[in-house]
């Protein structure tokens, strides 16, 4: 009788241990899923910040491109004006070719 009782207790303990192991596994997998979701959220937020920074850089670059075009147009006008001024000075000095 003591051997049968020992076997029953051993089987009961083994089943209880297996049940506790399964419950712990499920609980940890839920925590892992929550932690993974949190990490994904942080990752996506960081990507959003990077995208916003890139958009800001693109806007600034577009403004600089516009300024460059305006400066190039003004430089062309100044070159033409200087060319005309040189012709007038040469005519006044009488050294025009």
C-alpha atoms as a PDB file:
ATOM      1  CA  UNK A   1       0.000   0.000   0.000  1.00  0.00           C
ATOM      2  CA  UNK A   2       2.802   2.425   0.691  1.00  0.00           C
ATOM      3  CA  UNK A   3       4.316   1.713  -2.711  1.00  0.00           C
ATOM      4  CA  UNK A   4       0.986   2.421  -4.426  1.00  0.00           C
ATOM      5  CA  UNK A   5       0.577   5.634  -2.410  1.00  0.00           C
ATOM      6  CA  UNK A   6       4.105   6.697  -3.331  1.00  0.00           C
ATOM      7  CA  UNK A   7       3.426   6.027  -7.021  1.00  0.00           C
ATOM      8  CA  UNK A   8       0.162   7.996  -6.905  1.00  0.00           C
ATOM      9  CA  UNK A   9       1.842  10.915  -5.151  1.00  0.00           C
ATOM     10  CA  UNK A  10       4.717  10.831  -7.671  1.00  0.00           C
ATOM     11  CA  UNK A  11       2.332  10.831 -10.621  1.00  0.00           C
ATOM     12  CA  UNK A  12       0.275  13.644  -9.062  1.00  0.00           C
ATOM     13  CA  UNK A  13       3.429  15.718  -8.474  1.00  0.00           C
ATOM     14  CA  UNK A  14       4.601  15.110 -12.033  1.00  0.00           C
ATOM     15  CA  UNK A  15       1.237  16.197 -13.450  1.00  0.00           C
ATOM     16  CA  UNK A  16       1.158  19.238 -11.162  1.00  0.00           C
ATOM     17  CA  UNK A  17       4.693  20.186 -12.237  1.00  0.00           C
ATOM     18  CA  UNK A  18       3.751  19.801 -15.906  1.00  0.00           C
ATOM     19  CA  UNK A  19       0.679  21.974 -15.372  1.00  0.00           C
ATOM     20  CA  UNK A  20       2.711  24.655 -13.632  1.00  0.00           C
ATOM     21  CA  UNK A  21       5.285  24.510 -16.441  1.00  0.00           C
ATOM     22  CA  UNK A  22       2.618  24.959 -19.135  1.00  0.00           C
ATOM     23  CA  UNK A  23       1.020  27.862 -17.223  1.00  0.00           C
ATOM     24  CA  UNK A  24       4.404  29.551 -16.789  1.00  0.00           C
ATOM     25  CA  UNK A  25       5.204  29.084 -20.477  1.00  0.00           C
ATOM     26  CA  UNK A  26       1.898  30.698 -21.516  1.00  0.00           C
ATOM     27  CA  UNK A  27       2.403  33.593 -19.123  1.00  0.00           C
ATOM     28  CA  UNK A  28       5.939  34.228 -20.343  1.00  0.00           C
ATOM     29  CA  UNK A  29       4.907  34.028 -23.992  1.00  0.00           C
ATOM     30  CA  UNK A  30       2.249  36.684 -23.320  1.00  0.00           C
ATOM     31  CA  UNK A  31       4.869  38.891 -21.662  1.00  0.00           C
ATOM     32  CA  UNK A  32       7.209  38.312 -24.601  1.00  0.00           C
ATOM     33  CA  UNK A  33       4.462  39.302 -27.020  1.00  0.00           C
ATOM     34  CA  UNK A  34       3.747  42.456 -25.019  1.00  0.00           C
ATOM     35  CA  UNK A  35       7.448  43.273 -24.843  1.00  0.00           C
ATOM     36  CA  UNK A  36       7.812  42.637 -28.570  1.00  0.00           C
ATOM     37  CA  UNK A  37       4.876  44.961 -29.246  1.00  0.00           C
ATOM     38  CA  UNK A  38       6.462  47.636 -27.080  1.00  0.00           C
ATOM     39  CA  UNK A  39       9.767  47.264 -28.923  1.00  0.00           C
ATOM     40  CA  UNK A  40       7.980  47.459 -32.282  1.00  0.00           C
ATOM     41  CA  UNK A  41       6.220  50.630 -31.146  1.00  0.00           C
ATOM     42  CA  UNK A  42       9.487  52.234 -30.082  1.00  0.00           C
ATOM     43  CA  UNK A  43      11.095  51.179 -33.360  1.00  0.00           C
ATOM     44  CA  UNK A  44       8.261  52.646 -35.443  1.00  0.00           C
ATOM     45  CA  UNK A  45       8.353  55.873 -33.431  1.00  0.00           C
ATOM     46  CA  UNK A  46      12.073  56.221 -34.068  1.00  0.00           C
ATOM     47  CA  UNK A  47      11.515  55.608 -37.777  1.00  0.00           C
ATOM     48  CA  UNK A  48       8.865  58.340 -37.702  1.00  0.00           C
ATOM     49  CA  UNK A  49      11.345  60.788 -36.150  1.00  0.00           C
ATOM     50  CA  UNK A  50      13.946  59.917 -38.776  1.00  0.00           C
ATOM     51  CA  UNK A  51      11.399  60.389 -41.566  1.00  0.00           C
ATOM     52  CA  UNK A  52      10.387  63.784 -40.168  1.00  0.00           C
ATOM     53  CA  UNK A  53      14.053  64.804 -40.043  1.00  0.00           C
ATOM     54  CA  UNK A  54      14.586  63.744 -43.644  1.00  0.00           C
ATOM     55  CA  UNK A  55      11.494  65.680 -44.735  1.00  0.00           C
ATOM     56  CA  UNK A  56      12.845  68.760 -42.934  1.00  0.00           C
ATOM     57  CA  UNK A  57      16.210  68.393 -44.672  1.00  0.00           C
ATOM     58  CA  UNK A  58      14.476  68.066 -48.062  1.00  0.00           C
ATOM     59  CA  UNK A  59      12.484  71.259 -47.416  1.00  0.00           C
ATOM     60  CA  UNK A  60      15.644  73.152 -46.494  1.00  0.00           C
ATOM     61  CA  UNK A  61      17.422  71.805 -49.564  1.00  0.00           C
ATOM     62  CA  UNK A  62      14.558  72.955 -51.793  1.00  0.00           C
ATOM     63  CA  UNK A  63      14.816  76.451 -50.281  1.00  0.00           C
ATOM     64  CA  UNK A  64      18.555  76.492 -50.906  1.00  0.00           C
ATOM     65  CA  UNK A  65      18.000  75.380 -54.500  1.00  0.00           C
ATOM     66  CA  UNK A  66      15.569  78.275 -55.005  1.00  0.00           C
ATOM     67  CA  UNK A  67      18.079  80.717 -53.509  1.00  0.00           C
ATOM     68  CA  UNK A  68      20.830  79.346 -55.735  1.00  0.00           C
ATOM     69  CA  UNK A  69      18.685  79.849 -58.841  1.00  0.00           C
ATOM     70  CA  UNK A  70      17.876  83.423 -57.788  1.00  0.00           C
ATOM     71  CA  UNK A  71      21.541  84.178 -57.151  1.00  0.00           C
ATOM     72  CA  UNK A  72      22.519  82.689 -60.519  1.00  0.00           C
ATOM     73  CA  UNK A  73      19.923  84.892 -62.258  1.00  0.00           C
ATOM     74  CA  UNK A  74      21.152  87.987 -60.428  1.00  0.00           C
ATOM     75  CA  UNK A  75      24.776  87.157 -61.256  1.00  0.00           C
ATOM     76  CA  UNK A  76      23.907  86.895 -64.934  1.00  0.00           C
ATOM     77  CA  UNK A  77      22.219  90.303 -64.779  1.00  0.00           C
ATOM     78  CA  UNK A  78      25.238  91.811 -63.000  1.00  0.00           C
ATOM     79  CA  UNK A  79      27.607  90.355 -65.608  1.00  0.00           C
ATOM     80  CA  UNK A  80      25.531  91.886 -68.408  1.00  0.00           C
ATOM     81  CA  UNK A  81      25.469  95.226 -66.613  1.00  0.00           C
ATOM     82  CA  UNK A  82      29.244  95.135 -66.073  1.00  0.00           C
ATOM     83  CA  UNK A  83      29.774  94.304 -69.732  1.00  0.00           C
ATOM     84  CA  UNK A  84      27.679  97.304 -70.790  1.00  0.00           C
ATOM     85  CA  UNK A  85      29.505  99.533 -68.293  1.00  0.00           C
ATOM     86  CA  UNK A  86      32.863  98.465 -69.725  1.00  0.00           C
ATOM     87  CA  UNK A  87      31.669  99.336 -73.237  1.00  0.00           C
ATOM     88  CA  UNK A  88      30.557 102.783 -72.035  1.00  0.00           C
ATOM     89  CA  UNK A  89      33.869 103.386 -70.242  1.00  0.00           C
ATOM     90  CA  UNK A  90      35.817 102.324 -73.321  1.00  0.00           C
ATOM     91  CA  UNK A  91      33.757 104.722 -75.472  1.00  0.00           C
ATOM     92  CA  UNK A  92      34.364 107.570 -73.052  1.00  0.00           C
ATOM     93  CA  UNK A  93      38.094 106.903 -73.019  1.00  0.00           C
ATOM     94  CA  UNK A  94      38.136 106.509 -76.738  1.00  0.00           C
ATOM     95  CA  UNK A  95      39.799 103.114 -76.638  1.00  0.00           C
ATOM     96  CA  UNK A  96      36.961 101.078 -78.036  1.00  0.00           C
ATOM     97  CA  UNK A  97      38.073  98.496 -80.546  1.00  0.00           C
END
